[in-house]
Amino acid sequence: MDFLADGLRTLGQESADTLVAAACLGTACTLGLLALATGEDPDALAQRLGPAFERGILVTPKALAMHRAEHGAALAFCHDRMQQAVYQLRDDAWRERLHLEIARRLAGVAADPEQTLRAAEHYAVAASLIAESAERSRVRALFLAAAASGPPGRFA
């Protein structure tokens, strides 16, 4: 694990930032979800993640799908501890801002109950950054919708 963690220090800034965004989404996600969460083009994301795949930080069951930048291409951290190490590459304030950006993007497709839950999770991390009362009201409504549609105990 230390060997892999050392590889994090040699990543370029764009690759590292993209990895941190993936880590904010959990130990696994799809390229399409990462694109939605970051507002970035899947082709650009796949290219930025290339070094992480080469170093074994990320794995994918279908390398060709990732190479083609398919939305459904799955990516996962090699280990949950690696995901945690990547998450720590940036400070708390940076990550909170990122969670807020992710929440706003996911809330934009909130008609999808799964995205409603994800948006609520990210807003919960960044709640202290929500300054506008109109957004705070929208987020309260989103939390209620997420609590009503989510599995029992998810927000407990």
N, C-alpha and C. Protein backbone atom coordinates (compact mmCIF):
# COMPACT_ATOMS: atom_id res chain seq x y z
N MET A 1 0.82 -1.18 0.00
CA MET A 1 0.00 0.00 0.00
C MET A 1 0.88 1.26 0.00
N ASP A 2 1.97 1.24 0.76
CA ASP A 2 2.87 2.40 0.78
C ASP A 2 3.45 2.67 -0.60
N PHE A 3 3.77 1.60 -1.32
CA PHE A 3 4.29 1.75 -2.68
C PHE A 3 3.28 2.47 -3.56
N LEU A 4 2.02 2.06 -3.48
CA LEU A 4 0.98 2.70 -4.29
C LEU A 4 0.75 4.13 -3.85
N ALA A 5 0.76 4.37 -2.54
CA ALA A 5 0.55 5.72 -2.03
C ALA A 5 1.66 6.65 -2.48
N ASP A 6 2.88 6.13 -2.61
CA ASP A 6 3.99 6.95 -3.11
C ASP A 6 3.72 7.42 -4.54
N GLY A 7 3.02 6.60 -5.31
CA GLY A 7 2.68 6.96 -6.67
C GLY A 7 1.75 8.16 -6.75
N LEU A 8 1.05 8.45 -5.68
CA LEU A 8 0.14 9.61 -5.66
C LEU A 8 0.92 10.92 -5.75
N ARG A 9 2.08 10.94 -5.15
CA ARG A 9 2.86 12.18 -5.10
C ARG A 9 3.42 12.58 -6.47
N THR A 10 3.52 11.64 -7.38
CA THR A 10 4.09 11.94 -8.68
C THR A 10 3.03 12.21 -9.75
N LEU A 11 1.77 12.17 -9.38
CA LEU A 11 0.71 12.46 -10.33
C LEU A 11 0.67 13.95 -10.63
N GLY A 12 0.30 14.30 -11.83
CA GLY A 12 0.10 15.69 -12.16
C GLY A 12 -1.12 16.24 -11.42
N GLN A 13 -1.21 17.56 -11.33
CA GLN A 13 -2.29 18.19 -10.59
C GLN A 13 -3.67 17.81 -11.13
N GLU A 14 -3.84 17.85 -12.45
CA GLU A 14 -5.15 17.51 -13.03
C GLU A 14 -5.53 16.07 -12.72
N SER A 15 -4.57 15.16 -12.84
CA SER A 15 -4.85 13.75 -12.53
C SER A 15 -5.20 13.59 -11.06
N ALA A 16 -4.44 14.24 -10.19
CA ALA A 16 -4.70 14.15 -8.75
C ALA A 16 -6.07 14.73 -8.40
N ASP A 17 -6.40 15.89 -8.97
CA ASP A 17 -7.71 16.50 -8.69
C ASP A 17 -8.85 15.60 -9.17
N THR A 18 -8.67 14.98 -10.33
CA THR A 18 -9.70 14.08 -10.85
C THR A 18 -9.83 12.85 -9.95
N LEU A 19 -8.70 12.35 -9.47
CA LEU A 19 -8.74 11.22 -8.54
C LEU A 19 -9.45 11.59 -7.25
N VAL A 20 -9.20 12.79 -6.73
CA VAL A 20 -9.87 13.23 -5.50
C VAL A 20 -11.37 13.30 -5.74
N ALA A 21 -11.78 13.80 -6.89
CA ALA A 21 -13.20 13.84 -7.21
C ALA A 21 -13.78 12.43 -7.22
N ALA A 22 -13.06 11.48 -7.80
CA ALA A 22 -13.52 10.08 -7.79
C ALA A 22 -13.60 9.56 -6.36
N ALA A 23 -12.62 9.91 -5.53
CA ALA A 23 -12.62 9.47 -4.13
C ALA A 23 -13.81 10.05 -3.38
N CYS A 24 -14.23 11.25 -3.74
CA CYS A 24 -15.41 11.85 -3.11
C CYS A 24 -16.67 11.04 -3.41
N LEU A 25 -16.67 10.33 -4.52
CA LEU A 25 -17.82 9.52 -4.91
C LEU A 25 -17.81 8.14 -4.26
N GLY A 26 -16.71 7.76 -3.61
CA GLY A 26 -16.64 6.47 -2.94
C GLY A 26 -15.53 5.61 -3.51
N THR A 27 -15.60 4.33 -3.21
CA THR A 27 -14.54 3.42 -3.65
C THR A 27 -14.71 2.98 -5.10
N ALA A 28 -15.91 3.20 -5.65
CA ALA A 28 -16.16 2.81 -7.04
C ALA A 28 -17.23 3.72 -7.64
N CYS A 29 -17.15 3.91 -8.94
CA CYS A 29 -18.17 4.67 -9.66
C CYS A 29 -18.03 4.36 -11.14
N THR A 30 -18.84 5.00 -11.94
CA THR A 30 -18.70 4.88 -13.39
C THR A 30 -18.10 6.17 -13.93
N LEU A 31 -17.56 6.09 -15.10
CA LEU A 31 -17.01 7.27 -15.74
C LEU A 31 -18.11 8.31 -15.98
N GLY A 32 -19.30 7.84 -16.29
CA GLY A 32 -20.42 8.74 -16.50
C GLY A 32 -20.79 9.50 -15.24
N LEU A 33 -20.80 8.82 -14.09
CA LEU A 33 -21.10 9.51 -12.83
C LEU A 33 -20.01 10.52 -12.51
N LEU A 34 -18.75 10.15 -12.73
CA LEU A 34 -17.65 11.08 -12.49
C LEU A 34 -17.77 12.29 -13.40
N ALA A 35 -18.15 12.08 -14.65
CA ALA A 35 -18.33 13.19 -15.59
C ALA A 35 -19.46 14.10 -15.12
N LEU A 36 -20.55 13.52 -14.68
CA LEU A 36 -21.67 14.31 -14.17
C LEU A 36 -21.26 15.09 -12.93
N ALA A 37 -20.55 14.44 -12.03
CA ALA A 37 -20.15 15.07 -10.78
C ALA A 37 -19.15 16.20 -10.97
N THR A 38 -18.29 16.08 -11.98
CA THR A 38 -17.26 17.09 -12.18
C THR A 38 -17.61 18.10 -13.26
N GLY A 39 -18.59 17.76 -14.10
CA GLY A 39 -18.91 18.63 -15.23
C GLY A 39 -17.87 18.55 -16.33
N GLU A 40 -17.07 17.51 -16.31
CA GLU A 40 -15.99 17.33 -17.28
C GLU A 40 -16.39 16.33 -18.36
N ASP A 41 -15.72 16.40 -19.48
CA ASP A 41 -15.91 15.49 -20.59
C ASP A 41 -15.35 14.11 -20.23
N PRO A 42 -16.10 13.03 -20.48
CA PRO A 42 -15.60 11.69 -20.17
C PRO A 42 -14.27 11.36 -20.83
N ASP A 43 -14.05 11.83 -22.07
CA ASP A 43 -12.78 11.57 -22.74
C ASP A 43 -11.62 12.20 -21.98
N ALA A 44 -11.79 13.44 -21.54
CA ALA A 44 -10.74 14.13 -20.79
C ALA A 44 -10.50 13.44 -19.45
N LEU A 45 -11.57 13.01 -18.80
CA LEU A 45 -11.43 12.32 -17.52
C LEU A 45 -10.67 11.01 -17.68
N ALA A 46 -11.05 10.24 -18.70
CA ALA A 46 -10.37 8.96 -18.93
C ALA A 46 -8.88 9.17 -19.18
N GLN A 47 -8.56 10.22 -19.91
CA GLN A 47 -7.15 10.51 -20.18
C GLN A 47 -6.42 10.91 -18.89
N ARG A 48 -7.05 11.74 -18.08
CA ARG A 48 -6.42 12.16 -16.82
C ARG A 48 -6.25 11.01 -15.84
N LEU A 49 -7.14 10.04 -15.92
CA LEU A 49 -7.07 8.90 -15.01
C LEU A 49 -6.10 7.83 -15.49
N GLY A 50 -5.62 7.96 -16.70
CA GLY A 50 -4.69 6.97 -17.25
C GLY A 50 -3.52 6.65 -16.33
N PRO A 51 -2.81 7.66 -15.81
CA PRO A 51 -1.69 7.36 -14.92
C PRO A 51 -2.10 6.59 -13.66
N ALA A 52 -3.30 6.84 -13.17
CA ALA A 52 -3.77 6.12 -11.98
C ALA A 52 -4.02 4.65 -12.29
N PHE A 53 -4.50 4.36 -13.49
CA PHE A 53 -4.67 2.96 -13.90
C PHE A 53 -3.31 2.30 -14.10
N GLU A 54 -2.38 3.03 -14.73
CA GLU A 54 -1.04 2.48 -14.96
C GLU A 54 -0.33 2.14 -13.65
N ARG A 55 -0.55 2.94 -12.62
CA ARG A 55 0.12 2.72 -11.33
C ARG A 55 -0.65 1.77 -10.42
N GLY A 56 -1.82 1.32 -10.85
CA GLY A 56 -2.60 0.39 -10.04
C GLY A 56 -3.41 1.06 -8.96
N ILE A 57 -3.54 2.36 -8.98
CA ILE A 57 -4.35 3.07 -7.99
C ILE A 57 -5.82 2.80 -8.27
N LEU A 58 -6.18 2.81 -9.54
CA LEU A 58 -7.53 2.48 -9.99
C LEU A 58 -7.50 1.20 -10.79
N VAL A 59 -8.60 0.48 -10.77
CA VAL A 59 -8.75 -0.72 -11.58
C VAL A 59 -10.09 -0.64 -12.31
N THR A 60 -10.20 -1.37 -13.38
CA THR A 60 -11.44 -1.44 -14.15
C THR A 60 -11.59 -2.84 -14.71
N PRO A 61 -12.81 -3.37 -14.68
CA PRO A 61 -13.00 -4.71 -15.25
C PRO A 61 -12.97 -4.72 -16.77
N LYS A 62 -13.18 -3.56 -17.39
CA LYS A 62 -13.22 -3.49 -18.85
C LYS A 62 -12.38 -2.31 -19.33
N ALA A 63 -11.10 -2.57 -19.52
CA ALA A 63 -10.18 -1.51 -19.92
C ALA A 63 -10.56 -0.88 -21.25
N LEU A 64 -11.12 -1.67 -22.15
CA LEU A 64 -11.51 -1.13 -23.45
C LEU A 64 -12.64 -0.10 -23.29
N ALA A 65 -13.58 -0.36 -22.41
CA ALA A 65 -14.67 0.59 -22.16
C ALA A 65 -14.11 1.90 -21.60
N MET A 66 -13.11 1.78 -20.74
CA MET A 66 -12.49 2.99 -20.18
C MET A 66 -11.71 3.72 -21.28
N HIS A 67 -11.00 2.96 -22.08
CA HIS A 67 -10.24 3.56 -23.18
C HIS A 67 -11.16 4.31 -24.14
N ARG A 68 -12.34 3.77 -24.36
CA ARG A 68 -13.32 4.40 -25.24
C ARG A 68 -14.10 5.51 -24.54
N ALA A 69 -13.86 5.69 -23.26
CA ALA A 69 -14.53 6.71 -22.43
C ALA A 69 -16.04 6.51 -22.43
N GLU A 70 -16.47 5.27 -22.31
CA GLU A 70 -17.89 4.96 -22.25
C GLU A 70 -18.44 5.37 -20.89
N HIS A 71 -19.63 5.95 -20.88
CA HIS A 71 -20.24 6.42 -19.63
C HIS A 71 -20.39 5.31 -18.60
N GLY A 72 -20.67 4.11 -19.06
CA GLY A 72 -20.86 2.99 -18.14
C GLY A 72 -19.58 2.31 -17.70
N ALA A 73 -18.44 2.80 -18.15
CA ALA A 73 -17.16 2.18 -17.77
C ALA A 73 -16.96 2.30 -16.26
N ALA A 74 -16.77 1.16 -15.63
CA ALA A 74 -16.61 1.13 -14.17
C ALA A 74 -15.16 1.38 -13.80
N LEU A 75 -14.99 2.12 -12.71
CA LEU A 75 -13.66 2.30 -12.15
C LEU A 75 -13.76 2.16 -10.65
N ALA A 76 -12.71 1.65 -10.06
CA ALA A 76 -12.69 1.43 -8.61
C ALA A 76 -11.28 1.61 -8.10
N PHE A 77 -11.18 2.05 -6.87
CA PHE A 77 -9.88 2.12 -6.23
C PHE A 77 -9.43 0.70 -5.90
N CYS A 78 -8.15 0.47 -5.97
CA CYS A 78 -7.61 -0.87 -5.76
C CYS A 78 -7.91 -1.38 -4.35
N HIS A 79 -8.15 -0.47 -3.43
CA HIS A 79 -8.41 -0.83 -2.04
C HIS A 79 -9.08 0.37 -1.39
N ASP A 80 -9.91 0.12 -0.39
CA ASP A 80 -10.57 1.24 0.27
C ASP A 80 -9.58 2.17 0.97
N ARG A 81 -8.46 1.63 1.40
CA ARG A 81 -7.42 2.48 2.02
C ARG A 81 -6.79 3.41 0.99
N MET A 82 -6.70 2.96 -0.26
CA MET A 82 -6.17 3.82 -1.32
C MET A 82 -7.16 4.95 -1.58
N GLN A 83 -8.44 4.65 -1.59
CA GLN A 83 -9.45 5.69 -1.77
C GLN A 83 -9.32 6.72 -0.65
N GLN A 84 -9.11 6.28 0.56
CA GLN A 84 -8.95 7.20 1.69
C GLN A 84 -7.67 8.03 1.55
N ALA A 85 -6.60 7.42 1.08
CA ALA A 85 -5.35 8.16 0.88
C ALA A 85 -5.52 9.22 -0.20
N VAL A 86 -6.20 8.87 -1.27
CA VAL A 86 -6.45 9.84 -2.35
C VAL A 86 -7.31 10.97 -1.83
N TYR A 87 -8.33 10.65 -1.07
CA TYR A 87 -9.24 11.66 -0.51
C TYR A 87 -8.46 12.69 0.31
N GLN A 88 -7.41 12.24 0.96
CA GLN A 88 -6.60 13.11 1.82
C GLN A 88 -5.57 13.94 1.05
N LEU A 89 -5.51 13.80 -0.27
CA LEU A 89 -4.54 14.57 -1.06
C LEU A 89 -4.81 16.07 -0.98
N ARG A 90 -6.04 16.45 -0.74
CA ARG A 90 -6.41 17.87 -0.65
C ARG A 90 -6.93 18.15 0.75
N ASP A 91 -6.84 19.41 1.16
CA ASP A 91 -7.26 19.76 2.52
C ASP A 91 -8.79 19.79 2.64
N ASP A 92 -9.26 19.89 3.88
CA ASP A 92 -10.69 19.84 4.16
C ASP A 92 -11.47 20.91 3.41
N ALA A 93 -10.96 22.14 3.40
CA ALA A 93 -11.68 23.25 2.75
C ALA A 93 -11.81 22.99 1.24
N TRP A 94 -10.76 22.50 0.62
CA TRP A 94 -10.79 22.20 -0.82
C TRP A 94 -11.83 21.12 -1.10
N ARG A 95 -11.81 20.06 -0.28
CA ARG A 95 -12.75 18.96 -0.48
C ARG A 95 -14.19 19.40 -0.22
N GLU A 96 -14.42 20.25 0.77
CA GLU A 96 -15.78 20.74 1.02
C GLU A 96 -16.31 21.51 -0.18
N ARG A 97 -15.47 22.35 -0.76
CA ARG A 97 -15.90 23.09 -1.97
C ARG A 97 -16.22 22.12 -3.10
N LEU A 98 -15.40 21.08 -3.24
CA LEU A 98 -15.64 20.08 -4.27
C LEU A 98 -16.95 19.35 -4.01
N HIS A 99 -17.20 18.96 -2.77
CA HIS A 99 -18.46 18.30 -2.44
C HIS A 99 -19.65 19.20 -2.77
N LEU A 100 -19.52 20.49 -2.52
CA LEU A 100 -20.60 21.42 -2.83
C LEU A 100 -20.84 21.48 -4.34
N GLU A 101 -19.77 21.56 -5.12
CA GLU A 101 -19.90 21.57 -6.58
C GLU A 101 -20.56 20.28 -7.07
N ILE A 102 -20.13 19.16 -6.52
CA ILE A 102 -20.70 17.86 -6.90
C ILE A 102 -22.18 17.83 -6.54
N ALA A 103 -22.52 18.28 -5.34
CA ALA A 103 -23.92 18.28 -4.90
C ALA A 103 -24.78 19.11 -5.84
N ARG A 104 -24.30 20.27 -6.21
CA ARG A 104 -25.07 21.14 -7.10
C ARG A 104 -25.30 20.48 -8.46
N ARG A 105 -24.27 19.83 -8.98
CA ARG A 105 -24.43 19.16 -10.28
C ARG A 105 -25.40 17.99 -10.19
N LEU A 106 -25.27 17.19 -9.13
CA LEU A 106 -26.15 16.04 -8.98
C LEU A 106 -27.59 16.47 -8.70
N ALA A 107 -27.75 17.55 -7.97
CA ALA A 107 -29.10 18.06 -7.69
C ALA A 107 -29.77 18.54 -8.97
N GLY A 108 -28.99 18.89 -9.96
CA GLY A 108 -29.53 19.32 -11.24
C GLY A 108 -30.25 18.21 -11.98
N VAL A 109 -29.98 16.96 -11.61
CA VAL A 109 -30.66 15.81 -12.20
C VAL A 109 -31.43 15.07 -11.12
N ALA A 110 -31.95 15.85 -10.18
CA ALA A 110 -32.59 15.27 -9.00
C ALA A 110 -33.88 14.51 -9.29
N ALA A 111 -34.36 14.52 -10.53
CA ALA A 111 -35.54 13.71 -10.86
C ALA A 111 -35.21 12.22 -10.69
N ASP A 112 -33.93 11.91 -10.74
CA ASP A 112 -33.46 10.55 -10.52
C ASP A 112 -33.28 10.34 -9.02
N PRO A 113 -34.05 9.44 -8.39
CA PRO A 113 -33.95 9.26 -6.93
C PRO A 113 -32.54 8.91 -6.46
N GLU A 114 -31.80 8.15 -7.25
CA GLU A 114 -30.42 7.79 -6.86
C GLU A 114 -29.55 9.05 -6.80
N GLN A 115 -29.71 9.94 -7.77
CA GLN A 115 -28.93 11.17 -7.76
C GLN A 115 -29.38 12.11 -6.64
N THR A 116 -30.66 12.05 -6.29
CA THR A 116 -31.15 12.84 -5.15
C THR A 116 -30.42 12.42 -3.88
N LEU A 117 -30.30 11.12 -3.69
CA LEU A 117 -29.58 10.61 -2.51
C LEU A 117 -28.11 11.03 -2.53
N ARG A 118 -27.49 10.90 -3.68
CA ARG A 118 -26.08 11.28 -3.80
C ARG A 118 -25.89 12.77 -3.55
N ALA A 119 -26.77 13.58 -4.14
CA ALA A 119 -26.67 15.03 -3.95
C ALA A 119 -26.81 15.37 -2.47
N ALA A 120 -27.75 14.74 -1.80
CA ALA A 120 -27.95 15.00 -0.37
C ALA A 120 -26.71 14.63 0.43
N GLU A 121 -26.08 13.52 0.09
CA GLU A 121 -24.86 13.11 0.80
C GLU A 121 -23.76 14.15 0.65
N HIS A 122 -23.61 14.69 -0.55
CA HIS A 122 -22.56 15.69 -0.78
C HIS A 122 -22.91 17.03 -0.14
N TYR A 123 -24.19 17.41 -0.19
CA TYR A 123 -24.60 18.63 0.49
C TYR A 123 -24.37 18.52 1.99
N ALA A 124 -24.58 17.34 2.55
CA ALA A 124 -24.37 17.15 3.99
C ALA A 124 -22.92 17.44 4.39
N VAL A 125 -21.99 17.06 3.53
CA VAL A 125 -20.57 17.31 3.82
C VAL A 125 -20.26 18.80 3.74
N ALA A 126 -20.92 19.50 2.82
CA ALA A 126 -20.59 20.90 2.54
C ALA A 126 -21.64 21.88 3.07
N ALA A 127 -22.48 21.44 3.98
CA ALA A 127 -23.60 22.28 4.45
C ALA A 127 -23.15 23.64 4.96
N SER A 128 -22.00 23.71 5.59
CA SER A 128 -21.53 24.98 6.15
C SER A 128 -21.20 26.01 5.08
N LEU A 129 -21.04 25.59 3.84
CA LEU A 129 -20.69 26.51 2.75
C LEU A 129 -21.91 27.09 2.04
N ILE A 130 -23.09 26.61 2.36
CA ILE A 130 -24.30 27.08 1.69
C ILE A 130 -24.75 28.37 2.37
N ALA A 131 -24.55 29.48 1.67
CA ALA A 131 -24.82 30.80 2.26
C ALA A 131 -26.17 31.37 1.86
N GLU A 132 -26.60 31.15 0.64
CA GLU A 132 -27.84 31.75 0.16
C GLU A 132 -29.05 31.03 0.75
N SER A 133 -30.02 31.82 1.21
CA SER A 133 -31.20 31.23 1.84
C SER A 133 -32.03 30.43 0.83
N ALA A 134 -32.07 30.86 -0.42
CA ALA A 134 -32.82 30.11 -1.43
C ALA A 134 -32.21 28.72 -1.63
N GLU A 135 -30.89 28.65 -1.68
CA GLU A 135 -30.24 27.35 -1.84
C GLU A 135 -30.45 26.50 -0.59
N ARG A 136 -30.37 27.13 0.59
CA ARG A 136 -30.59 26.39 1.83
C ARG A 136 -31.99 25.76 1.84
N SER A 137 -32.98 26.49 1.35
CA SER A 137 -34.35 25.97 1.28
C SER A 137 -34.41 24.80 0.31
N ARG A 138 -33.76 24.93 -0.84
CA ARG A 138 -33.73 23.83 -1.82
C ARG A 138 -33.05 22.59 -1.23
N VAL A 139 -31.99 22.83 -0.48
CA VAL A 139 -31.25 21.70 0.11
C VAL A 139 -32.09 21.02 1.18
N ARG A 140 -32.81 21.80 1.99
CA ARG A 140 -33.71 21.19 2.99
C ARG A 140 -34.75 20.30 2.29
N ALA A 141 -35.32 20.80 1.21
CA ALA A 141 -36.30 20.01 0.46
C ALA A 141 -35.64 18.76 -0.13
N LEU A 142 -34.43 18.90 -0.60
CA LEU A 142 -33.69 17.75 -1.14
C LEU A 142 -33.44 16.71 -0.06
N PHE A 143 -33.05 17.16 1.14
CA PHE A 143 -32.83 16.23 2.26
C PHE A 143 -34.12 15.47 2.59
N LEU A 144 -35.24 16.19 2.60
CA LEU A 144 -36.52 15.53 2.88
C LEU A 144 -36.86 14.51 1.80
N ALA A 145 -36.65 14.89 0.55
CA ALA A 145 -36.92 13.97 -0.56
C ALA A 145 -35.99 12.75 -0.49
N ALA A 146 -34.75 12.99 -0.16
CA ALA A 146 -33.79 11.88 -0.06
C ALA A 146 -34.16 10.96 1.10
N ALA A 147 -34.55 11.53 2.21
CA ALA A 147 -34.92 10.72 3.37
C ALA A 147 -36.18 9.89 3.07
N ALA A 148 -37.11 10.47 2.33
CA ALA A 148 -38.34 9.76 2.00
C ALA A 148 -38.12 8.65 0.98
N SER A 149 -37.15 8.84 0.08
CA SER A 149 -36.94 7.85 -0.98
C SER A 149 -35.83 6.86 -0.70
N GLY A 150 -34.97 7.18 0.26
CA GLY A 150 -33.80 6.35 0.50
C GLY A 150 -34.11 5.12 1.33
N PRO A 151 -33.19 4.17 1.32
CA PRO A 151 -33.36 2.98 2.13
C PRO A 151 -33.33 3.34 3.61
N PRO A 152 -34.02 2.59 4.45
CA PRO A 152 -34.04 2.88 5.88
C PRO A 152 -32.63 2.88 6.46
N GLY A 153 -32.36 3.85 7.30
CA GLY A 153 -31.08 3.92 7.99
C GLY A 153 -29.96 4.55 7.22
N ARG A 154 -30.16 4.92 5.96
CA ARG A 154 -29.07 5.47 5.16
C ARG A 154 -28.58 6.80 5.73
N PHE A 155 -29.49 7.62 6.25
CA PHE A 155 -29.10 8.91 6.81
C PHE A 155 -29.17 8.92 8.32
N ALA A 156 -29.29 7.78 8.93
CA ALA A 156 -29.40 7.72 10.38
C ALA A 156 -28.06 7.90 11.04
